Amino acid sequence: MLIRYKKAFEKIAMGLLSFMPNEKDLKKLQQTMKQYETDDEWQLFLWKEDDVIGLVGVVLKGDKVEIQHISVNPSHRHEGIGKNMLKALKHIYEDKNLLPNEQTESFFDKCDFHEKGTDE
């Protein structure tokens, strides 16, 4: 189940976010978390089953929702959680187009999640 980020989940969110290649540096990771906490256009969601095991972060850009970050706990990978997070986001933002950024594009391709009209 996709839930909105709350400050109480900061440590687990930072841990999951640190799996993203461009978020390895602690200072960069802290800046990214601050952006999600302070900028209304940046939205962070967590995937919770028994525990929080996934994270997806988006930036709202008009009628587009750009997927900035997507990460799943390594012990829960290859179970379809990432794709389920994208499906849940599509449900939340049903009137908008979900688009990847450079860091999340290969995951979109792997899941075959590109929306009609956005394929090259």
PDB file of N, CA and C in Angstrom:
ATOM      1  N   MET A   1       0.840  -1.178   0.000  1.00  0.00           N
ATOM      2  CA  MET A   1       0.000   0.000   0.000  1.00  0.00           C
ATOM      3  C   MET A   1       0.886   1.243   0.000  1.00  0.00           C
ATOM      4  N   LEU A   2       0.550   2.182  -0.869  1.00  0.00           N
ATOM      5  CA  LEU A   2       1.306   3.419  -0.981  1.00  0.00           C
ATOM      6  C   LEU A   2       0.787   4.429   0.037  1.00  0.00           C
ATOM      7  N   ILE A   3       1.698   4.947   0.856  1.00  0.00           N
ATOM      8  CA  ILE A   3       1.332   5.948   1.862  1.00  0.00           C
ATOM      9  C   ILE A   3       2.204   7.185   1.672  1.00  0.00           C
ATOM     10  N   ARG A   4       1.677   8.327   2.063  1.00  0.00           N
ATOM     11  CA  ARG A   4       2.435   9.572   1.976  1.00  0.00           C
ATOM     12  C   ARG A   4       3.519   9.589   3.053  1.00  0.00           C
ATOM     13  N   TYR A   5       4.668  10.124   2.679  1.00  0.00           N
ATOM     14  CA  TYR A   5       5.797  10.241   3.606  1.00  0.00           C
ATOM     15  C   TYR A   5       5.426  11.113   4.803  1.00  0.00           C
ATOM     16  N   LYS A   6       5.861  10.674   5.974  1.00  0.00           N
ATOM     17  CA  LYS A   6       5.762  11.469   7.201  1.00  0.00           C
ATOM     18  C   LYS A   6       7.156  11.511   7.824  1.00  0.00           C
ATOM     19  N   LYS A   7       7.431  12.564   8.562  1.00  0.00           N
ATOM     20  CA  LYS A   7       8.739  12.761   9.192  1.00  0.00           C
ATOM     21  C   LYS A   7       9.141  11.552  10.051  1.00  0.00           C
ATOM     22  N   ALA A   8       8.178  10.852  10.628  1.00  0.00           N
ATOM     23  CA  ALA A   8       8.467   9.678  11.462  1.00  0.00           C
ATOM     24  C   ALA A   8       9.182   8.578  10.670  1.00  0.00           C
ATOM     25  N   PHE A   9       9.044   8.597   9.346  1.00  0.00           N
ATOM     26  CA  PHE A   9       9.668   7.583   8.487  1.00  0.00           C
ATOM     27  C   PHE A   9      10.969   8.081   7.863  1.00  0.00           C
ATOM     28  N   GLU A  10      11.518   9.168   8.386  1.00  0.00           N
ATOM     29  CA  GLU A  10      12.680   9.790   7.755  1.00  0.00           C
ATOM     30  C   GLU A  10      13.862   8.833   7.599  1.00  0.00           C
ATOM     31  N   LYS A  11      14.204   8.074   8.636  1.00  0.00           N
ATOM     32  CA  LYS A  11      15.384   7.198   8.559  1.00  0.00           C
ATOM     33  C   LYS A  11      15.204   6.097   7.515  1.00  0.00           C
ATOM     34  N   ILE A  12      14.043   5.457   7.513  1.00  0.00           N
ATOM     35  CA  ILE A  12      13.806   4.393   6.531  1.00  0.00           C
ATOM     36  C   ILE A  12      13.757   4.984   5.122  1.00  0.00           C
ATOM     37  N   ALA A  13      13.174   6.173   4.973  1.00  0.00           N
ATOM     38  CA  ALA A  13      13.114   6.822   3.659  1.00  0.00           C
ATOM     39  C   ALA A  13      14.524   7.157   3.166  1.00  0.00           C
ATOM     40  N   MET A  14      15.351   7.677   4.042  1.00  0.00           N
ATOM     41  CA  MET A  14      16.730   7.992   3.655  1.00  0.00           C
ATOM     42  C   MET A  14      17.482   6.721   3.278  1.00  0.00           C
ATOM     43  N   GLY A  15      17.251   5.647   4.016  1.00  0.00           N
ATOM     44  CA  GLY A  15      17.898   4.377   3.702  1.00  0.00           C
ATOM     45  C   GLY A  15      17.507   3.883   2.321  1.00  0.00           C
ATOM     46  N   LEU A  16      16.224   3.925   2.017  1.00  0.00           N
ATOM     47  CA  LEU A  16      15.754   3.475   0.705  1.00  0.00           C
ATOM     48  C   LEU A  16      16.245   4.407  -0.405  1.00  0.00           C
ATOM     49  N   LEU A  17      16.210   5.699  -0.143  1.00  0.00           N
ATOM     50  CA  LEU A  17      16.663   6.676  -1.125  1.00  0.00           C
ATOM     51  C   LEU A  17      18.151   6.513  -1.433  1.00  0.00           C
ATOM     52  N   SER A  18      18.927   6.085  -0.447  1.00  0.00           N
ATOM     53  CA  SER A  18      20.375   5.943  -0.634  1.00  0.00           C
ATOM     54  C   SER A  18      20.727   4.832  -1.623  1.00  0.00           C
ATOM     55  N   PHE A  19      19.763   3.975  -1.991  1.00  0.00           N
ATOM     56  CA  PHE A  19      20.020   2.953  -3.005  1.00  0.00           C
ATOM     57  C   PHE A  19      20.045   3.550  -4.415  1.00  0.00           C
ATOM     58  N   MET A  20      19.520   4.767  -4.569  1.00  0.00           N
ATOM     59  CA  MET A  20      19.556   5.427  -5.875  1.00  0.00           C
ATOM     60  C   MET A  20      21.004   5.871  -6.143  1.00  0.00           C
ATOM     61  N   PRO A  21      21.521   5.593  -7.341  1.00  0.00           N
ATOM     62  CA  PRO A  21      22.938   5.907  -7.629  1.00  0.00           C
ATOM     63  C   PRO A  21      23.317   7.360  -7.380  1.00  0.00           C
ATOM     64  N   ASN A  22      22.418   8.303  -7.643  1.00  0.00           N
ATOM     65  CA  ASN A  22      22.762   9.724  -7.478  1.00  0.00           C
ATOM     66  C   ASN A  22      22.502  10.230  -6.064  1.00  0.00           C
ATOM     67  N   GLU A  23      22.170   9.338  -5.126  1.00  0.00           N
ATOM     68  CA  GLU A  23      21.894   9.757  -3.745  1.00  0.00           C
ATOM     69  C   GLU A  23      22.851   9.088  -2.740  1.00  0.00           C
ATOM     70  N   LYS A  24      24.018   8.674  -3.209  1.00  0.00           N
ATOM     71  CA  LYS A  24      24.978   7.979  -2.333  1.00  0.00           C
ATOM     72  C   LYS A  24      25.623   8.924  -1.313  1.00  0.00           C
ATOM     73  N   ASP A  25      25.865  10.147  -1.722  1.00  0.00           N
ATOM     74  CA  ASP A  25      26.515  11.132  -0.854  1.00  0.00           C
ATOM     75  C   ASP A  25      25.536  11.624   0.207  1.00  0.00           C
ATOM     76  N   LEU A  26      25.953  11.613   1.475  1.00  0.00           N
ATOM     77  CA  LEU A  26      25.072  11.978   2.586  1.00  0.00           C
ATOM     78  C   LEU A  26      24.524  13.400   2.457  1.00  0.00           C
ATOM     79  N   LYS A  27      25.390  14.358   2.081  1.00  0.00           N
ATOM     80  CA  LYS A  27      24.921  15.738   1.936  1.00  0.00           C
ATOM     81  C   LYS A  27      23.859  15.847   0.839  1.00  0.00           C
ATOM     82  N   LYS A  28      24.074  15.175  -0.281  1.00  0.00           N
ATOM     83  CA  LYS A  28      23.105  15.177  -1.380  1.00  0.00           C
ATOM     84  C   LYS A  28      21.796  14.532  -0.915  1.00  0.00           C
ATOM     85  N   LEU A  29      21.901  13.427  -0.197  1.00  0.00           N
ATOM     86  CA  LEU A  29      20.731  12.720   0.325  1.00  0.00           C
ATOM     87  C   LEU A  29      19.928  13.619   1.270  1.00  0.00           C
ATOM     88  N   GLN A  30      20.615  14.326   2.150  1.00  0.00           N
ATOM     89  CA  GLN A  30      19.946  15.237   3.084  1.00  0.00           C
ATOM     90  C   GLN A  30      19.260  16.385   2.334  1.00  0.00           C
ATOM     91  N   GLN A  31      19.906  16.897   1.288  1.00  0.00           N
ATOM     92  CA  GLN A  31      19.296  17.974   0.483  1.00  0.00           C
ATOM     93  C   GLN A  31      18.024  17.468  -0.201  1.00  0.00           C
ATOM     94  N   THR A  32      18.080  16.247  -0.720  1.00  0.00           N
ATOM     95  CA  THR A  32      16.920  15.670  -1.394  1.00  0.00           C
ATOM     96  C   THR A  32      15.769  15.495  -0.411  1.00  0.00           C
ATOM     97  N   MET A  33      16.062  14.984   0.784  1.00  0.00           N
ATOM     98  CA  MET A  33      15.012  14.806   1.803  1.00  0.00           C
ATOM     99  C   MET A  33      14.400  16.152   2.172  1.00  0.00           C
ATOM    100  N   LYS A  34      15.245  17.164   2.325  1.00  0.00           N
ATOM    101  CA  LYS A  34      14.750  18.511   2.671  1.00  0.00           C
ATOM    102  C   LYS A  34      13.822  19.023   1.563  1.00  0.00           C
ATOM    103  N   GLN A  35      14.194  18.765   0.319  1.00  0.00           N
ATOM    104  CA  GLN A  35      13.365  19.198  -0.819  1.00  0.00           C
ATOM    105  C   GLN A  35      11.983  18.540  -0.743  1.00  0.00           C
ATOM    106  N   TYR A  36      11.946  17.234  -0.464  1.00  0.00           N
ATOM    107  CA  TYR A  36      10.663  16.523  -0.347  1.00  0.00           C
ATOM    108  C   TYR A  36       9.831  17.053   0.828  1.00  0.00           C
ATOM    109  N   GLU A  37      10.504  17.473   1.896  1.00  0.00           N
ATOM    110  CA  GLU A  37       9.793  17.945   3.084  1.00  0.00           C
ATOM    111  C   GLU A  37       9.296  19.381   2.951  1.00  0.00           C
ATOM    112  N   THR A  38       9.942  20.203   2.102  1.00  0.00           N
ATOM    113  CA  THR A  38       9.614  21.627   2.072  1.00  0.00           C
ATOM    114  C   THR A  38       8.952  22.114   0.786  1.00  0.00           C
ATOM    115  N   ASP A  39       9.125  21.394  -0.311  1.00  0.00           N
ATOM    116  CA  ASP A  39       8.597  21.835  -1.602  1.00  0.00           C
ATOM    117  C   ASP A  39       7.291  21.092  -1.906  1.00  0.00           C
ATOM    118  N   ASP A  40       6.212  21.840  -2.060  1.00  0.00           N
ATOM    119  CA  ASP A  40       4.898  21.229  -2.314  1.00  0.00           C
ATOM    120  C   ASP A  40       4.838  20.476  -3.640  1.00  0.00           C
ATOM    121  N   GLU A  41       5.697  20.835  -4.574  1.00  0.00           N
ATOM    122  CA  GLU A  41       5.723  20.142  -5.873  1.00  0.00           C
ATOM    123  C   GLU A  41       6.404  18.772  -5.781  1.00  0.00           C
ATOM    124  N   TRP A  42       7.223  18.569  -4.759  1.00  0.00           N
ATOM    125  CA  TRP A  42       7.937  17.305  -4.566  1.00  0.00           C
ATOM    126  C   TRP A  42       7.146  16.453  -3.577  1.00  0.00           C
ATOM    127  N   GLN A  43       6.728  15.272  -4.007  1.00  0.00           N
ATOM    128  CA  GLN A  43       5.926  14.382  -3.169  1.00  0.00           C
ATOM    129  C   GLN A  43       6.650  13.049  -2.999  1.00  0.00           C
ATOM    130  N   LEU A  44       6.716  12.567  -1.775  1.00  0.00           N
ATOM    131  CA  LEU A  44       7.390  11.307  -1.472  1.00  0.00           C
ATOM    132  C   LEU A  44       6.368  10.327  -0.908  1.00  0.00           C
ATOM    133  N   PHE A  45       6.397   9.108  -1.417  1.00  0.00           N
ATOM    134  CA  PHE A  45       5.489   8.054  -0.978  1.00  0.00           C
ATOM    135  C   PHE A  45       6.294   6.833  -0.568  1.00  0.00           C
ATOM    136  N   LEU A  46       5.752   6.086   0.382  1.00  0.00           N
ATOM    137  CA  LEU A  46       6.395   4.860   0.853  1.00  0.00           C
ATOM    138  C   LEU A  46       5.469   3.689   0.575  1.00  0.00           C
ATOM    139  N   TRP A  47       6.057   2.532   0.267  1.00  0.00           N
ATOM    140  CA  TRP A  47       5.290   1.311   0.059  1.00  0.00           C
ATOM    141  C   TRP A  47       5.380   0.511   1.343  1.00  0.00           C
ATOM    142  N   LYS A  48       4.216   0.285   1.962  1.00  0.00           N
ATOM    143  CA  LYS A  48       4.166  -0.387   3.255  1.00  0.00           C
ATOM    144  C   LYS A  48       3.382  -1.686   3.123  1.00  0.00           C
ATOM    145  N   GLU A  49       4.020  -2.767   3.525  1.00  0.00           N
ATOM    146  CA  GLU A  49       3.327  -4.047   3.676  1.00  0.00           C
ATOM    147  C   GLU A  49       3.342  -4.280   5.180  1.00  0.00           C
ATOM    148  N   ASP A  50       4.103  -5.249   5.693  1.00  0.00           N
ATOM    149  CA  ASP A  50       4.285  -5.330   7.149  1.00  0.00           C
ATOM    150  C   ASP A  50       5.215  -4.208   7.594  1.00  0.00           C
ATOM    151  N   ASP A  51       6.218  -3.955   6.788  1.00  0.00           N
ATOM    152  CA  ASP A  51       7.178  -2.869   7.020  1.00  0.00           C
ATOM    153  C   ASP A  51       7.205  -1.985   5.776  1.00  0.00           C
ATOM    154  N   VAL A  52       7.898  -0.857   5.901  1.00  0.00           N
ATOM    155  CA  VAL A  52       8.114  -0.005   4.737  1.00  0.00           C
ATOM    156  C   VAL A  52       9.238  -0.642   3.924  1.00  0.00           C
ATOM    157  N   ILE A  53       8.946  -1.002   2.671  1.00  0.00           N
ATOM    158  CA  ILE A  53       9.945  -1.715   1.862  1.00  0.00           C
ATOM    159  C   ILE A  53      10.224  -1.029   0.521  1.00  0.00           C
ATOM    160  N   GLY A  54       9.538   0.072   0.245  1.00  0.00           N
ATOM    161  CA  GLY A  54       9.769   0.764  -1.011  1.00  0.00           C
ATOM    162  C   GLY A  54       9.485   2.238  -0.885  1.00  0.00           C
ATOM    163  N   LEU A  55       9.973   2.975  -1.871  1.00  0.00           N
ATOM    164  CA  LEU A  55       9.831   4.424  -1.861  1.00  0.00           C
ATOM    165  C   LEU A  55       9.737   4.899  -3.301  1.00  0.00           C
ATOM    166  N   VAL A  56       8.898   5.890  -3.523  1.00  0.00           N
ATOM    167  CA  VAL A  56       8.839   6.542  -4.832  1.00  0.00           C
ATOM    168  C   VAL A  56       8.645   8.039  -4.599  1.00  0.00           C
ATOM    169  N   GLY A  57       9.447   8.826  -5.286  1.00  0.00           N
ATOM    170  CA  GLY A  57       9.375  10.273  -5.164  1.00  0.00           C
ATOM    171  C   GLY A  57       9.065  10.894  -6.506  1.00  0.00           C
ATOM    172  N   VAL A  58       8.172  11.877  -6.504  1.00  0.00           N
ATOM    173  CA  VAL A  58       7.743  12.513  -7.746  1.00  0.00           C
ATOM    174  C   VAL A  58       7.839  14.028  -7.643  1.00  0.00           C
ATOM    175  N   VAL A  59       7.888  14.663  -8.811  1.00  0.00           N
ATOM    176  CA  VAL A  59       7.800  16.117  -8.901  1.00  0.00           C
ATOM    177  C   VAL A  59       6.601  16.421  -9.790  1.00  0.00           C
ATOM    178  N   LEU A  60       5.693  17.244  -9.271  1.00  0.00           N
ATOM    179  CA  LEU A  60       4.492  17.621 -10.016  1.00  0.00           C
ATOM    180  C   LEU A  60       4.841  18.774 -10.946  1.00  0.00           C
ATOM    181  N   LYS A  61       4.550  18.582 -12.239  1.00  0.00           N
ATOM    182  CA  LYS A  61       4.868  19.592 -13.256  1.00  0.00           C
ATOM    183  C   LYS A  61       3.657  19.774 -14.152  1.00  0.00           C
ATOM    184  N   GLY A  62       2.677  20.524 -13.672  1.00  0.00           N
ATOM    185  CA  GLY A  62       1.464  20.755 -14.457  1.00  0.00           C
ATOM    186  C   GLY A  62       0.675  19.469 -14.613  1.00  0.00           C
ATOM    187  N   ASP A  63       0.493  19.034 -15.877  1.00  0.00           N
ATOM    188  CA  ASP A  63      -0.261  17.805 -16.117  1.00  0.00           C
ATOM    189  C   ASP A  63       0.645  16.575 -16.146  1.00  0.00           C
ATOM    190  N   LYS A  64       1.902  16.758 -15.744  1.00  0.00           N
ATOM    191  CA  LYS A  64       2.864  15.648 -15.716  1.00  0.00           C
ATOM    192  C   LYS A  64       3.317  15.373 -14.289  1.00  0.00           C
ATOM    193  N   VAL A  65       3.613  14.112 -14.023  1.00  0.00           N
ATOM    194  CA  VAL A  65       4.190  13.697 -12.749  1.00  0.00           C
ATOM    195  C   VAL A  65       5.493  12.995 -13.099  1.00  0.00           C
ATOM    196  N   GLU A  66       6.610  13.639 -12.765  1.00  0.00           N
ATOM    197  CA  GLU A  66       7.915  13.068 -13.097  1.00  0.00           C
ATOM    198  C   GLU A  66       8.408  12.212 -11.934  1.00  0.00           C
ATOM    199  N   ILE A  67       8.717  10.963 -12.237  1.00  0.00           N
ATOM    200  CA  ILE A  67       9.233  10.042 -11.215  1.00  0.00           C
ATOM    201  C   ILE A  67      10.710  10.355 -11.015  1.00  0.00           C
ATOM    202  N   GLN A  68      11.036  10.921  -9.861  1.00  0.00           N
ATOM    203  CA  GLN A  68      12.409  11.296  -9.533  1.00  0.00           C
ATOM    204  C   GLN A  68      13.199  10.115  -8.976  1.00  0.00           C
ATOM    205  N   HIS A  69      12.563   9.394  -8.082  1.00  0.00           N
ATOM    206  CA  HIS A  69      13.227   8.302  -7.362  1.00  0.00           C
ATOM    207  C   HIS A  69      12.283   7.117  -7.256  1.00  0.00           C
ATOM    208  N   ILE A  70      12.848   5.920  -7.370  1.00  0.00           N
ATOM    209  CA  ILE A  70      12.082   4.718  -7.075  1.00  0.00           C
ATOM    210  C   ILE A  70      13.072   3.697  -6.532  1.00  0.00           C
ATOM    211  N   SER A  71      12.744   3.146  -5.374  1.00  0.00           N
ATOM    212  CA  SER A  71      13.683   2.252  -4.707  1.00  0.00           C
ATOM    213  C   SER A  71      12.915   1.207  -3.902  1.00  0.00           C
ATOM    214  N   VAL A  72      13.431  -0.014  -3.926  1.00  0.00           N
ATOM    215  CA  VAL A  72      12.844  -1.111  -3.160  1.00  0.00           C
ATOM    216  C   VAL A  72      13.957  -1.746  -2.338  1.00  0.00           C
ATOM    217  N   ASN A  73      13.638  -2.098  -1.113  1.00  0.00           N
ATOM    218  CA  ASN A  73      14.582  -2.800  -0.247  1.00  0.00           C
ATOM    219  C   ASN A  73      15.142  -4.001  -1.020  1.00  0.00           C
ATOM    220  N   PRO A  74      16.478  -4.166  -1.056  1.00  0.00           N
ATOM    221  CA  PRO A  74      17.068  -5.253  -1.849  1.00  0.00           C
ATOM    222  C   PRO A  74      16.504  -6.651  -1.536  1.00  0.00           C
ATOM    223  N   SER A  75      16.111  -6.899  -0.307  1.00  0.00           N
ATOM    224  CA  SER A  75      15.589  -8.227   0.020  1.00  0.00           C
ATOM    225  C   SER A  75      14.160  -8.439  -0.485  1.00  0.00           C
ATOM    226  N   HIS A  76      13.552  -7.397  -1.071  1.00  0.00           N
ATOM    227  CA  HIS A  76      12.185  -7.507  -1.605  1.00  0.00           C
ATOM    228  C   HIS A  76      12.124  -7.204  -3.102  1.00  0.00           C
ATOM    229  N   ARG A  77      13.292  -7.161  -3.743  1.00  0.00           N
ATOM    230  CA  ARG A  77      13.308  -6.863  -5.179  1.00  0.00           C
ATOM    231  C   ARG A  77      12.840  -8.068  -5.988  1.00  0.00           C
ATOM    232  N   HIS A  78      12.445  -7.810  -7.206  1.00  0.00           N
ATOM    233  CA  HIS A  78      11.956  -8.840  -8.145  1.00  0.00           C
ATOM    234  C   HIS A  78      10.656  -9.477  -7.677  1.00  0.00           C
ATOM    235  N   GLU A  79       9.860  -8.721  -6.907  1.00  0.00           N
ATOM    236  CA  GLU A  79       8.551  -9.197  -6.455  1.00  0.00           C
ATOM    237  C   GLU A  79       7.424  -8.335  -7.047  1.00  0.00           C
ATOM    238  N   GLY A  80       7.767  -7.415  -7.932  1.00  0.00           N
ATOM    239  CA  GLY A  80       6.761  -6.567  -8.561  1.00  0.00           C
ATOM    240  C   GLY A  80       6.382  -5.338  -7.756  1.00  0.00           C
ATOM    241  N   ILE A  81       7.125  -5.055  -6.688  1.00  0.00           N
ATOM    242  CA  ILE A  81       6.783  -3.923  -5.816  1.00  0.00           C
ATOM    243  C   ILE A  81       6.960  -2.588  -6.540  1.00  0.00           C
ATOM    244  N   GLY A  82       8.040  -2.434  -7.270  1.00  0.00           N
ATOM    245  CA  GLY A  82       8.267  -1.196  -8.007  1.00  0.00           C
ATOM    246  C   GLY A  82       7.148  -0.925  -8.996  1.00  0.00           C
ATOM    247  N   LYS A  83       6.766  -1.939  -9.735  1.00  0.00           N
ATOM    248  CA  LYS A  83       5.677  -1.785 -10.708  1.00  0.00           C
ATOM    249  C   LYS A  83       4.361  -1.487  -9.983  1.00  0.00           C
ATOM    250  N   ASN A  84       4.130  -2.129  -8.835  1.00  0.00           N
ATOM    251  CA  ASN A  84       2.916  -1.849  -8.060  1.00  0.00           C
ATOM    252  C   ASN A  84       2.897  -0.408  -7.559  1.00  0.00           C
ATOM    253  N   MET A  85       4.064   0.127  -7.198  1.00  0.00           N
ATOM    254  CA  MET A  85       4.130   1.528  -6.768  1.00  0.00           C
ATOM    255  C   MET A  85       3.747   2.451  -7.927  1.00  0.00           C
ATOM    256  N   LEU A  86       4.230   2.140  -9.128  1.00  0.00           N
ATOM    257  CA  LEU A  86       3.879   2.957 -10.291  1.00  0.00           C
ATOM    258  C   LEU A  86       2.378   2.882 -10.578  1.00  0.00           C
ATOM    259  N   LYS A  87       1.807   1.686 -10.470  1.00  0.00           N
ATOM    260  CA  LYS A  87       0.357   1.532 -10.685  1.00  0.00           C
ATOM    261  C   LYS A  87      -0.432   2.336  -9.647  1.00  0.00           C
ATOM    262  N   ALA A  88       0.011   2.296  -8.390  1.00  0.00           N
ATOM    263  CA  ALA A  88      -0.672   3.051  -7.325  1.00  0.00           C
ATOM    264  C   ALA A  88      -0.561   4.552  -7.577  1.00  0.00           C
ATOM    265  N   LEU A  89       0.603   5.010  -8.038  1.00  0.00           N
ATOM    266  CA  LEU A  89       0.775   6.429  -8.371  1.00  0.00           C
ATOM    267  C   LEU A  89      -0.155   6.826  -9.506  1.00  0.00           C
ATOM    268  N   LYS A  90      -0.284   5.954 -10.503  1.00  0.00           N
ATOM    269  CA  LYS A  90      -1.159   6.242 -11.632  1.00  0.00           C
ATOM    270  C   LYS A  90      -2.601   6.401 -11.147  1.00  0.00           C
ATOM    271  N   HIS A  91      -2.965   5.622 -10.143  1.00  0.00           N
ATOM    272  CA  HIS A  91      -4.305   5.732  -9.563  1.00  0.00           C
ATOM    273  C   HIS A  91      -4.464   7.072  -8.823  1.00  0.00           C
ATOM    274  N   ILE A  92      -3.443   7.477  -8.070  1.00  0.00           N
ATOM    275  CA  ILE A  92      -3.481   8.744  -7.326  1.00  0.00           C
ATOM    276  C   ILE A  92      -3.538   9.938  -8.286  1.00  0.00           C
ATOM    277  N   TYR A  93      -2.724   9.882  -9.326  1.00  0.00           N
ATOM    278  CA  TYR A  93      -2.629  10.984 -10.293  1.00  0.00           C
ATOM    279  C   TYR A  93      -3.266  10.562 -11.622  1.00  0.00           C
ATOM    280  N   GLU A  94      -4.499  10.068 -11.569  1.00  0.00           N
ATOM    281  CA  GLU A  94      -5.130   9.491 -12.759  1.00  0.00           C
ATOM    282  C   GLU A  94      -5.330  10.480 -13.902  1.00  0.00           C
ATOM    283  N   ASP A  95      -5.371  11.776 -13.598  1.00  0.00           N
ATOM    284  CA  ASP A  95      -5.570  12.774 -14.662  1.00  0.00           C
ATOM    285  C   ASP A  95      -4.252  13.346 -15.178  1.00  0.00           C
ATOM    286  N   LYS A  96      -3.135  12.769 -14.780  1.00  0.00           N
ATOM    287  CA  LYS A  96      -1.817  13.265 -15.189  1.00  0.00           C
ATOM    288  C   LYS A  96      -1.009  12.151 -15.853  1.00  0.00           C
ATOM    289  N   ASN A  97       0.009  12.539 -16.597  1.00  0.00           N
ATOM    290  CA  ASN A  97       0.914  11.577 -17.229  1.00  0.00           C
ATOM    291  C   ASN A  97       2.084  11.297 -16.307  1.00  0.00           C
ATOM    292  N   LEU A  98       2.373  10.020 -16.061  1.00  0.00           N
ATOM    293  CA  LEU A  98       3.558   9.630 -15.303  1.00  0.00           C
ATOM    294  C   LEU A  98       4.717   9.515 -16.272  1.00  0.00           C
ATOM    295  N   LEU A  99       5.806  10.207 -15.959  1.00  0.00           N
ATOM    296  CA  LEU A  99       6.986  10.184 -16.812  1.00  0.00           C
ATOM    297  C   LEU A  99       8.230   9.916 -15.975  1.00  0.00           C
ATOM    298  N   PRO A 100       9.195   9.194 -16.534  1.00  0.00           N
ATOM    299  CA  PRO A 100      10.446   8.979 -15.798  1.00  0.00           C
ATOM    300  C   PRO A 100      11.398  10.151 -15.999  1.00  0.00           C
ATOM    301  N   ASN A 101      12.403  10.241 -15.126  1.00  0.00           N
ATOM    302  CA  ASN A 101      13.519  11.143 -15.386  1.00  0.00           C
ATOM    303  C   ASN A 101      14.684  10.251 -15.861  1.00  0.00           C
ATOM    304  N   GLU A 102      15.872  10.811 -16.001  1.00  0.00           N
ATOM    305  CA  GLU A 102      17.011  10.021 -16.495  1.00  0.00           C
ATOM    306  C   GLU A 102      17.321   8.835 -15.591  1.00  0.00           C
ATOM    307  N   GLN A 103      17.201   9.026 -14.276  1.00  0.00           N
ATOM    308  CA  GLN A 103      17.551   7.968 -13.330  1.00  0.00           C
ATOM    309  C   GLN A 103      16.506   6.854 -13.270  1.00  0.00           C
ATOM    310  N   THR A 104      15.266   7.150 -13.597  1.00  0.00           N
ATOM    311  CA  THR A 104      14.206   6.144 -13.468  1.00  0.00           C
ATOM    312  C   THR A 104      13.741   5.587 -14.813  1.00  0.00           C
ATOM    313  N   GLU A 105      14.287   6.120 -15.904  1.00  0.00           N
ATOM    314  CA  GLU A 105      13.829   5.696 -17.229  1.00  0.00           C
ATOM    315  C   GLU A 105      14.074   4.216 -17.505  1.00  0.00           C
ATOM    316  N   SER A 106      15.222   3.695 -17.114  1.00  0.00           N
ATOM    317  CA  SER A 106      15.497   2.279 -17.392  1.00  0.00           C
ATOM    318  C   SER A 106      14.525   1.372 -16.637  1.00  0.00           C
ATOM    319  N   PHE A 107      14.114   1.791 -15.440  1.00  0.00           N
ATOM    320  CA  PHE A 107      13.124   1.004 -14.693  1.00  0.00           C
ATOM    321  C   PHE A 107      11.773   1.033 -15.419  1.00  0.00           C
ATOM    322  N   PHE A 108      11.382   2.199 -15.908  1.00  0.00           N
ATOM    323  CA  PHE A 108      10.138   2.326 -16.680  1.00  0.00           C
ATOM    324  C   PHE A 108      10.175   1.377 -17.881  1.00  0.00           C
ATOM    325  N   ASP A 109      11.321   1.375 -18.582  1.00  0.00           N
ATOM    326  CA  ASP A 109      11.465   0.515 -19.758  1.00  0.00           C
ATOM    327  C   ASP A 109      11.339  -0.955 -19.365  1.00  0.00           C
ATOM    328  N   LYS A 110      12.003  -1.321 -18.277  1.00  0.00           N
ATOM    329  CA  LYS A 110      11.974  -2.706 -17.806  1.00  0.00           C
ATOM    330  C   LYS A 110      10.541  -3.143 -17.468  1.00  0.00           C
ATOM    331  N   CYS A 111       9.778  -2.235 -16.876  1.00  0.00           N
ATOM    332  CA  CYS A 111       8.382  -2.536 -16.502  1.00  0.00           C
ATOM    333  C   CYS A 111       7.420  -2.333 -17.662  1.00  0.00           C
ATOM    334  N   ASP A 112       7.930  -1.795 -18.779  1.00  0.00           N
ATOM    335  CA  ASP A 112       7.083  -1.466 -19.921  1.00  0.00           C
ATOM    336  C   ASP A 112       5.939  -0.560 -19.460  1.00  0.00           C
ATOM    337  N   PHE A 113       6.290   0.498 -18.726  1.00  0.00           N
ATOM    338  CA  PHE A 113       5.294   1.358 -18.091  1.00  0.00           C
ATOM    339  C   PHE A 113       5.068   2.671 -18.830  1.00  0.00           C
ATOM    340  N   HIS A 114       5.712   2.861 -19.958  1.00  0.00           N
ATOM    341  CA  HIS A 114       5.499   4.127 -20.687  1.00  0.00           C
ATOM    342  C   HIS A 114       4.045   4.235 -21.098  1.00  0.00           C
ATOM    343  N   GLU A 115       3.492   5.404 -20.935  1.00  0.00           N
ATOM    344  CA  GLU A 115       2.092   5.623 -21.242  1.00  0.00           C
ATOM    345  C   GLU A 115       1.902   5.916 -22.725  1.00  0.00           C
ATOM    346  N   LYS A 116       0.723   5.676 -23.217  1.00  0.00           N
ATOM    347  CA  LYS A 116       0.417   5.924 -24.635  1.00  0.00           C
ATOM    348  C   LYS A 116       0.712   7.389 -24.948  1.00  0.00           C
ATOM    349  N   GLY A 117       1.366   7.585 -26.075  1.00  0.00           N
ATOM    350  CA  GLY A 117       1.664   8.946 -26.493  1.00  0.00           C
ATOM    351  C   GLY A 117       3.000   9.448 -26.001  1.00  0.00           C
ATOM    352  N   THR A 118       3.644   8.737 -25.065  1.00  0.00           N
ATOM    353  CA  THR A 118       4.950   9.198 -24.584  1.00  0.00           C
ATOM    354  C   THR A 118       6.070   8.338 -25.150  1.00  0.00           C
ATOM    355  N   ASP A 119       5.736   7.237 -25.841  1.00  0.00           N
ATOM    356  CA  ASP A 119       6.758   6.372 -26.436  1.00  0.00           C
ATOM    357  C   ASP A 119       7.359   7.060 -27.649  1.00  0.00           C
ATOM    358  N   GLU A 120       8.622   6.875 -27.832  1.00  0.00           N
ATOM    359  CA  GLU A 120       9.308   7.439 -29.002  1.00  0.00           C
ATOM    360  C   GLU A 120       9.049   6.540 -30.187  1.00  0.00           C
TER     361      GLU A 120
END
